[in-house]
Amino acid sequence: MESTMAEGNPVIFIIDDDSAIRKSLFRLLTASGYKVEEFESAESYLSRERYNGIGCIILDVKMGGRSGTDLQQELNNRGDNIPIIFLTGHADIPTSVRAMKRGAGDFLQKPVDENILLYTIEQALEEHRKRCAYGEKVEELRKQFSTLTPREFEVMRWVLTGKLNKQIAHELGITEKTVKVHRGEVMKKLRVSSVAELVRLAEAAGIEPAG
């Protein structure tokens, strides 16, 4: 069972196989008012119930078992969008480049400056709030589009191309009157009054025009 979206304090997850670093970061972050959970390995974090609230991960690059970048890849594979701030004891440009390409929030070198870390965490949390808000908006839009019948959805995708009813009727092998009826239902169900509005709504929901 997955946790629901948390409305309260965000959670910072510390994942590092060095207990001294975990304790140091735990003290710093709890003193700064954050809710914190710590893990000694990627495996122990993955065994936790999946968290769907606002938060971020402070992740060591090199650990026993799965590495930090291995965990990042696993989280990407399962569609987890929680930001990751990598910590490393050694400058490793290739690893940092790969991590950033996969969506890492930042890549900091140990020992990390406390002020820089706290600032980076705040930036990561703000980014996560935006991602989650956008995801909720897209999900709501997709629910709206799911109210369309298969034929209405098909007609709607042709409307997005800018074609006239007569042209859409020819493409679908139906009458112009039928297209007009379906088009009217689309506009009513999606609560839009113009093709321009419909196009913006479809783009936000990730729906492509026909053709």
C-alpha atoms as a PDB file:
ATOM      1  CA  MET A   1       0.000   0.000   0.000  1.00  0.00           C
ATOM      2  CA  GLU A   2       1.421   3.419  -0.957  1.00  0.00           C
ATOM      3  CA  SER A   3       1.522   6.500   1.245  1.00  0.00           C
ATOM      4  CA  THR A   4      -0.774   9.321   0.163  1.00  0.00           C
ATOM      5  CA  MET A   5       0.476  12.782  -0.726  1.00  0.00           C
ATOM      6  CA  ALA A   6       1.677  14.408   2.464  1.00  0.00           C
ATOM      7  CA  GLU A   7       0.358  17.899   3.144  1.00  0.00           C
ATOM      8  CA  GLY A   8       2.535  18.516   6.214  1.00  0.00           C
ATOM      9  CA  ASN A   9       6.285  18.770   6.578  1.00  0.00           C
ATOM     10  CA  PRO A  10       8.346  17.355   3.725  1.00  0.00           C
ATOM     11  CA  VAL A  11      10.549  14.350   4.475  1.00  0.00           C
ATOM     12  CA  ILE A  12      14.287  14.259   3.817  1.00  0.00           C
ATOM     13  CA  PHE A  13      15.693  10.767   3.238  1.00  0.00           C
ATOM     14  CA  ILE A  14      19.379  10.258   4.033  1.00  0.00           C
ATOM     15  CA  ILE A  15      20.897   7.194   2.337  1.00  0.00           C
ATOM     16  CA  ASP A  16      24.555   6.639   3.185  1.00  0.00           C
ATOM     17  CA  ASP A  17      26.493   3.614   4.424  1.00  0.00           C
ATOM     18  CA  ASP A  18      28.659   5.821   6.686  1.00  0.00           C
ATOM     19  CA  SER A  19      26.880   6.009  10.061  1.00  0.00           C
ATOM     20  CA  ALA A  20      28.858   9.091  11.153  1.00  0.00           C
ATOM     21  CA  ILE A  21      27.708  11.039   8.099  1.00  0.00           C
ATOM     22  CA  ARG A  22      24.120   9.891   8.581  1.00  0.00           C
ATOM     23  CA  LYS A  23      24.142  11.061  12.213  1.00  0.00           C
ATOM     24  CA  SER A  24      25.725  14.392  11.308  1.00  0.00           C
ATOM     25  CA  LEU A  25      23.183  15.071   8.565  1.00  0.00           C
ATOM     26  CA  PHE A  26      20.326  13.870  10.785  1.00  0.00           C
ATOM     27  CA  ARG A  27      21.280  16.351  13.522  1.00  0.00           C
ATOM     28  CA  LEU A  28      21.646  19.224  11.046  1.00  0.00           C
ATOM     29  CA  LEU A  29      18.355  18.609   9.281  1.00  0.00           C
ATOM     30  CA  THR A  30      16.225  17.919  12.360  1.00  0.00           C
ATOM     31  CA  ALA A  31      17.667  21.064  13.956  1.00  0.00           C
ATOM     32  CA  SER A  32      16.572  22.910  10.802  1.00  0.00           C
ATOM     33  CA  GLY A  33      13.008  21.698  11.281  1.00  0.00           C
ATOM     34  CA  TYR A  34      12.863  18.870   8.773  1.00  0.00           C
ATOM     35  CA  LYS A  35      11.364  15.443   9.256  1.00  0.00           C
ATOM     36  CA  VAL A  36      14.188  13.013   8.496  1.00  0.00           C
ATOM     37  CA  GLU A  37      14.527   9.297   7.824  1.00  0.00           C
ATOM     38  CA  GLU A  38      17.894   7.591   7.436  1.00  0.00           C
ATOM     39  CA  PHE A  39      18.942   4.410   5.644  1.00  0.00           C
ATOM     40  CA  GLU A  40      22.259   2.567   5.455  1.00  0.00           C
ATOM     41  CA  SER A  41      21.771   1.236   1.929  1.00  0.00           C
ATOM     42  CA  ALA A  42      19.779   1.521  -1.267  1.00  0.00           C
ATOM     43  CA  GLU A  43      18.173  -1.833  -0.470  1.00  0.00           C
ATOM     44  CA  SER A  44      16.902  -0.667   2.934  1.00  0.00           C
ATOM     45  CA  TYR A  45      15.340   2.410   1.345  1.00  0.00           C
ATOM     46  CA  LEU A  46      13.638   0.353  -1.367  1.00  0.00           C
ATOM     47  CA  SER A  47      12.139  -1.939   1.284  1.00  0.00           C
ATOM     48  CA  ARG A  48      10.332   1.074   2.778  1.00  0.00           C
ATOM     49  CA  GLU A  49       6.706   1.682   1.862  1.00  0.00           C
ATOM     50  CA  ARG A  50       6.769   3.935  -1.179  1.00  0.00           C
ATOM     51  CA  TYR A  51       6.530   7.600  -0.217  1.00  0.00           C
ATOM     52  CA  ASN A  52       4.361   9.875  -2.347  1.00  0.00           C
ATOM     53  CA  GLY A  53       4.659  13.112  -0.391  1.00  0.00           C
ATOM     54  CA  ILE A  54       6.930  16.106  -0.854  1.00  0.00           C
ATOM     55  CA  GLY A  55      10.549  15.409  -0.029  1.00  0.00           C
ATOM     56  CA  CYS A  56      14.027  14.766  -1.337  1.00  0.00           C
ATOM     57  CA  ILE A  57      16.780  12.182  -1.049  1.00  0.00           C
ATOM     58  CA  ILE A  58      20.339  12.915   0.066  1.00  0.00           C
ATOM     59  CA  LEU A  59      22.191  10.024  -1.513  1.00  0.00           C
ATOM     60  CA  ASP A  60      25.758   8.761  -1.264  1.00  0.00           C
ATOM     61  CA  VAL A  61      27.216   7.803  -4.643  1.00  0.00           C
ATOM     62  CA  LYS A  62      29.355   4.839  -3.590  1.00  0.00           C
ATOM     63  CA  MET A  63      27.882   2.368  -1.100  1.00  0.00           C
ATOM     64  CA  GLY A  64      28.048  -1.354  -0.400  1.00  0.00           C
ATOM     65  CA  GLY A  65      25.459  -3.180  -2.503  1.00  0.00           C
ATOM     66  CA  ARG A  66      23.678  -0.956  -4.973  1.00  0.00           C
ATOM     67  CA  SER A  67      25.383   2.346  -5.691  1.00  0.00           C
ATOM     68  CA  GLY A  68      23.626   5.669  -5.474  1.00  0.00           C
ATOM     69  CA  THR A  69      23.337   5.881  -9.258  1.00  0.00           C
ATOM     70  CA  ASP A  70      21.897   2.336  -9.346  1.00  0.00           C
ATOM     71  CA  LEU A  71      19.208   3.462  -6.909  1.00  0.00           C
ATOM     72  CA  GLN A  72      18.548   6.557  -9.000  1.00  0.00           C
ATOM     73  CA  GLN A  73      17.993   4.363 -12.065  1.00  0.00           C
ATOM     74  CA  GLU A  74      15.659   2.076 -10.107  1.00  0.00           C
ATOM     75  CA  LEU A  75      13.589   5.029  -8.903  1.00  0.00           C
ATOM     76  CA  ASN A  76      13.412   6.422 -12.444  1.00  0.00           C
ATOM     77  CA  ASN A  77      12.249   3.025 -13.717  1.00  0.00           C
ATOM     78  CA  ARG A  78       9.352   2.947 -11.285  1.00  0.00           C
ATOM     79  CA  GLY A  79       8.326   6.531 -12.052  1.00  0.00           C
ATOM     80  CA  ASP A  80       9.365   8.032  -8.722  1.00  0.00           C
ATOM     81  CA  ASN A  81       9.935  11.773  -9.195  1.00  0.00           C
ATOM     82  CA  ILE A  82      11.403  12.591  -5.762  1.00  0.00           C
ATOM     83  CA  PRO A  83      14.489  14.838  -6.231  1.00  0.00           C
ATOM     84  CA  ILE A  84      17.927  13.427  -5.445  1.00  0.00           C
ATOM     85  CA  ILE A  85      20.887  15.367  -4.080  1.00  0.00           C
ATOM     86  CA  PHE A  86      24.040  13.295  -4.514  1.00  0.00           C
ATOM     87  CA  LEU A  87      26.927  13.440  -2.061  1.00  0.00           C
ATOM     88  CA  THR A  88      30.331  12.097  -3.042  1.00  0.00           C
ATOM     89  CA  GLY A  89      33.685  11.824  -1.325  1.00  0.00           C
ATOM     90  CA  HIS A  90      35.560  12.136  -4.599  1.00  0.00           C
ATOM     91  CA  ALA A  91      35.144  14.364  -7.604  1.00  0.00           C
ATOM     92  CA  ASP A  92      33.868  12.073 -10.374  1.00  0.00           C
ATOM     93  CA  ILE A  93      32.865  14.057 -13.444  1.00  0.00           C
ATOM     94  CA  PRO A  94      31.523  11.140 -15.566  1.00  0.00           C
ATOM     95  CA  THR A  95      29.350   9.881 -12.705  1.00  0.00           C
ATOM     96  CA  SER A  96      28.027  13.355 -11.939  1.00  0.00           C
ATOM     97  CA  VAL A  97      27.202  13.961 -15.615  1.00  0.00           C
ATOM     98  CA  ARG A  98      25.270  10.670 -15.813  1.00  0.00           C
ATOM     99  CA  ALA A  99      23.428  11.460 -12.592  1.00  0.00           C
ATOM    100  CA  MET A 100      22.441  14.940 -13.750  1.00  0.00           C
ATOM    101  CA  LYS A 101      21.240  13.598 -17.119  1.00  0.00           C
ATOM    102  CA  ARG A 102      18.994  11.191 -15.216  1.00  0.00           C
ATOM    103  CA  GLY A 103      17.457  14.099 -13.325  1.00  0.00           C
ATOM    104  CA  ALA A 104      19.586  14.519 -10.187  1.00  0.00           C
ATOM    105  CA  GLY A 105      18.790  17.736  -8.328  1.00  0.00           C
ATOM    106  CA  ASP A 106      22.446  18.437  -7.543  1.00  0.00           C
ATOM    107  CA  PHE A 107      25.839  16.829  -6.992  1.00  0.00           C
ATOM    108  CA  LEU A 108      27.757  17.990  -3.899  1.00  0.00           C
ATOM    109  CA  GLN A 109      31.183  16.951  -2.676  1.00  0.00           C
ATOM    110  CA  LYS A 110      31.875  15.822   0.902  1.00  0.00           C
ATOM    111  CA  PRO A 111      32.438  17.413   3.309  1.00  0.00           C
ATOM    112  CA  VAL A 112      29.513  19.555   2.208  1.00  0.00           C
ATOM    113  CA  ASP A 113      29.022  23.117   3.445  1.00  0.00           C
ATOM    114  CA  GLU A 114      25.927  23.141   5.678  1.00  0.00           C
ATOM    115  CA  ASN A 115      24.509  26.353   4.223  1.00  0.00           C
ATOM    116  CA  ILE A 116      24.958  25.123   0.674  1.00  0.00           C
ATOM    117  CA  LEU A 117      23.277  21.823   1.551  1.00  0.00           C
ATOM    118  CA  LEU A 118      20.307  23.523   3.235  1.00  0.00           C
ATOM    119  CA  TYR A 119      19.883  25.886   0.293  1.00  0.00           C
ATOM    120  CA  THR A 120      20.083  22.972  -2.160  1.00  0.00           C
ATOM    121  CA  ILE A 121      17.462  21.048  -0.178  1.00  0.00           C
ATOM    122  CA  GLU A 122      15.058  24.004  -0.249  1.00  0.00           C
ATOM    123  CA  GLN A 123      15.538  24.310  -4.010  1.00  0.00           C
ATOM    124  CA  ALA A 124      14.899  20.573  -4.444  1.00  0.00           C
ATOM    125  CA  LEU A 125      11.737  20.704  -2.325  1.00  0.00           C
ATOM    126  CA  GLU A 126      10.381  23.666  -4.280  1.00  0.00           C
ATOM    127  CA  GLU A 127      11.062  21.823  -7.536  1.00  0.00           C
ATOM    128  CA  HIS A 128       9.296  18.733  -6.164  1.00  0.00           C
ATOM    129  CA  ARG A 129       6.239  20.784  -5.186  1.00  0.00           C
ATOM    130  CA  LYS A 130       6.056  22.110  -8.755  1.00  0.00           C
ATOM    131  CA  ARG A 131       6.445  18.622 -10.249  1.00  0.00           C
ATOM    132  CA  CYS A 132       3.695  17.212  -8.040  1.00  0.00           C
ATOM    133  CA  ALA A 133       1.339  20.121  -8.747  1.00  0.00           C
ATOM    134  CA  TYR A 134       1.915  19.693 -12.480  1.00  0.00           C
ATOM    135  CA  GLY A 135       1.395  15.929 -12.230  1.00  0.00           C
ATOM    136  CA  GLU A 136      -1.903  16.423 -10.405  1.00  0.00           C
ATOM    137  CA  LYS A 137      -3.027  18.926 -13.052  1.00  0.00           C
ATOM    138  CA  VAL A 138      -2.190  16.509 -15.882  1.00  0.00           C
ATOM    139  CA  GLU A 139      -3.988  13.658 -14.103  1.00  0.00           C
ATOM    140  CA  GLU A 140      -7.091  15.811 -13.709  1.00  0.00           C
ATOM    141  CA  LEU A 141      -6.992  16.768 -17.401  1.00  0.00           C
ATOM    142  CA  ARG A 142      -6.667  13.118 -18.433  1.00  0.00           C
ATOM    143  CA  LYS A 143      -9.720  12.301 -16.344  1.00  0.00           C
ATOM    144  CA  GLN A 144     -11.626  14.965 -18.273  1.00  0.00           C
ATOM    145  CA  PHE A 145     -10.553  13.463 -21.601  1.00  0.00           C
ATOM    146  CA  SER A 146     -11.497   9.972 -20.384  1.00  0.00           C
ATOM    147  CA  THR A 147     -15.152  11.099 -20.321  1.00  0.00           C
ATOM    148  CA  LEU A 148     -15.126  11.181 -24.137  1.00  0.00           C
ATOM    149  CA  THR A 149     -16.402   8.187 -26.073  1.00  0.00           C
ATOM    150  CA  PRO A 150     -13.875   6.510 -28.444  1.00  0.00           C
ATOM    151  CA  ARG A 151     -15.506   8.227 -31.446  1.00  0.00           C
ATOM    152  CA  GLU A 152     -15.579  11.625 -29.710  1.00  0.00           C
ATOM    153  CA  PHE A 153     -11.905  11.220 -28.843  1.00  0.00           C
ATOM    154  CA  GLU A 154     -11.118  10.347 -32.460  1.00  0.00           C
ATOM    155  CA  VAL A 155     -13.009  13.383 -33.752  1.00  0.00           C
ATOM    156  CA  MET A 156     -11.342  15.578 -31.137  1.00  0.00           C
ATOM    157  CA  ARG A 157      -7.864  14.535 -32.326  1.00  0.00           C
ATOM    158  CA  TRP A 158      -8.809  15.548 -35.870  1.00  0.00           C
ATOM    159  CA  VAL A 159     -10.214  18.861 -34.612  1.00  0.00           C
ATOM    160  CA  LEU A 160      -6.772  19.510 -33.098  1.00  0.00           C
ATOM    161  CA  THR A 161      -5.296  19.458 -36.617  1.00  0.00           C
ATOM    162  CA  GLY A 162      -7.429  22.461 -37.566  1.00  0.00           C
ATOM    163  CA  LYS A 163      -9.434  20.594 -40.211  1.00  0.00           C
ATOM    164  CA  LEU A 164     -13.012  21.602 -40.986  1.00  0.00           C
ATOM    165  CA  ASN A 165     -15.971  19.337 -40.176  1.00  0.00           C
ATOM    166  CA  LYS A 166     -16.290  18.391 -43.859  1.00  0.00           C
ATOM    167  CA  GLN A 167     -12.629  17.341 -44.007  1.00  0.00           C
ATOM    168  CA  ILE A 168     -12.879  15.365 -40.746  1.00  0.00           C
ATOM    169  CA  ALA A 169     -15.983  13.601 -42.045  1.00  0.00           C
ATOM    170  CA  HIS A 170     -14.042  12.575 -45.166  1.00  0.00           C
ATOM    171  CA  GLU A 171     -11.106  11.290 -43.064  1.00  0.00           C
ATOM    172  CA  LEU A 172     -13.382   9.186 -40.839  1.00  0.00           C
ATOM    173  CA  GLY A 173     -15.931   8.106 -43.426  1.00  0.00           C
ATOM    174  CA  ILE A 174     -18.864   9.594 -41.539  1.00  0.00           C
ATOM    175  CA  THR A 175     -21.295  12.426 -42.252  1.00  0.00           C
ATOM    176  CA  GLU A 176     -20.500  16.051 -41.607  1.00  0.00           C
ATOM    177  CA  LYS A 177     -23.565  16.230 -39.325  1.00  0.00           C
ATOM    178  CA  THR A 178     -22.206  13.369 -37.193  1.00  0.00           C
ATOM    179  CA  VAL A 179     -18.855  15.149 -36.866  1.00  0.00           C
ATOM    180  CA  LYS A 180     -20.662  18.314 -35.783  1.00  0.00           C
ATOM    181  CA  VAL A 181     -22.588  16.416 -33.086  1.00  0.00           C
ATOM    182  CA  HIS A 182     -19.440  14.709 -31.746  1.00  0.00           C
ATOM    183  CA  ARG A 183     -17.520  17.988 -31.861  1.00  0.00           C
ATOM    184  CA  GLY A 184     -20.246  19.690 -29.838  1.00  0.00           C
ATOM    185  CA  GLU A 185     -20.119  16.912 -27.209  1.00  0.00           C
ATOM    186  CA  VAL A 186     -16.345  17.230 -26.983  1.00  0.00           C
ATOM    187  CA  MET A 187     -16.504  20.956 -26.359  1.00  0.00           C
ATOM    188  CA  LYS A 188     -19.263  20.524 -23.768  1.00  0.00           C
ATOM    189  CA  LYS A 189     -17.573  17.688 -21.853  1.00  0.00           C
ATOM    190  CA  LEU A 190     -14.204  19.429 -21.794  1.00  0.00           C
ATOM    191  CA  ARG A 191     -15.804  22.790 -20.961  1.00  0.00           C
ATOM    192  CA  VAL A 192     -14.057  24.736 -23.724  1.00  0.00           C
ATOM    193  CA  SER A 193     -15.549  27.231 -26.148  1.00  0.00           C
ATOM    194  CA  SER A 194     -12.898  27.403 -28.871  1.00  0.00           C
ATOM    195  CA  VAL A 195     -10.476  25.205 -30.771  1.00  0.00           C
ATOM    196  CA  ALA A 196      -7.601  27.262 -29.338  1.00  0.00           C
ATOM    197  CA  GLU A 197      -8.691  26.339 -25.803  1.00  0.00           C
ATOM    198  CA  LEU A 198      -9.046  22.702 -26.845  1.00  0.00           C
ATOM    199  CA  VAL A 199      -5.524  22.690 -28.297  1.00  0.00           C
ATOM    200  CA  ARG A 200      -4.039  24.116 -25.080  1.00  0.00           C
ATOM    201  CA  LEU A 201      -5.905  21.536 -22.991  1.00  0.00           C
ATOM    202  CA  ALA A 202      -4.757  18.649 -25.188  1.00  0.00           C
ATOM    203  CA  GLU A 203      -1.138  19.833 -25.154  1.00  0.00           C
ATOM    204  CA  ALA A 204      -1.185  20.025 -21.352  1.00  0.00           C
ATOM    205  CA  ALA A 205      -2.582  16.472 -21.187  1.00  0.00           C
ATOM    206  CA  GLY A 206       0.008  15.187 -23.669  1.00  0.00           C
ATOM    207  CA  ILE A 207      -2.533  14.311 -26.362  1.00  0.00           C
ATOM    208  CA  GLU A 208      -1.295  14.446 -29.962  1.00  0.00           C
ATOM    209  CA  PRO A 209      -3.385  15.553 -32.971  1.00  0.00           C
ATOM    210  CA  ALA A 210      -4.460  12.909 -35.471  1.00  0.00           C
ATOM    211  CA  GLY A 211      -2.607  12.267 -38.716  1.00  0.00           C
END
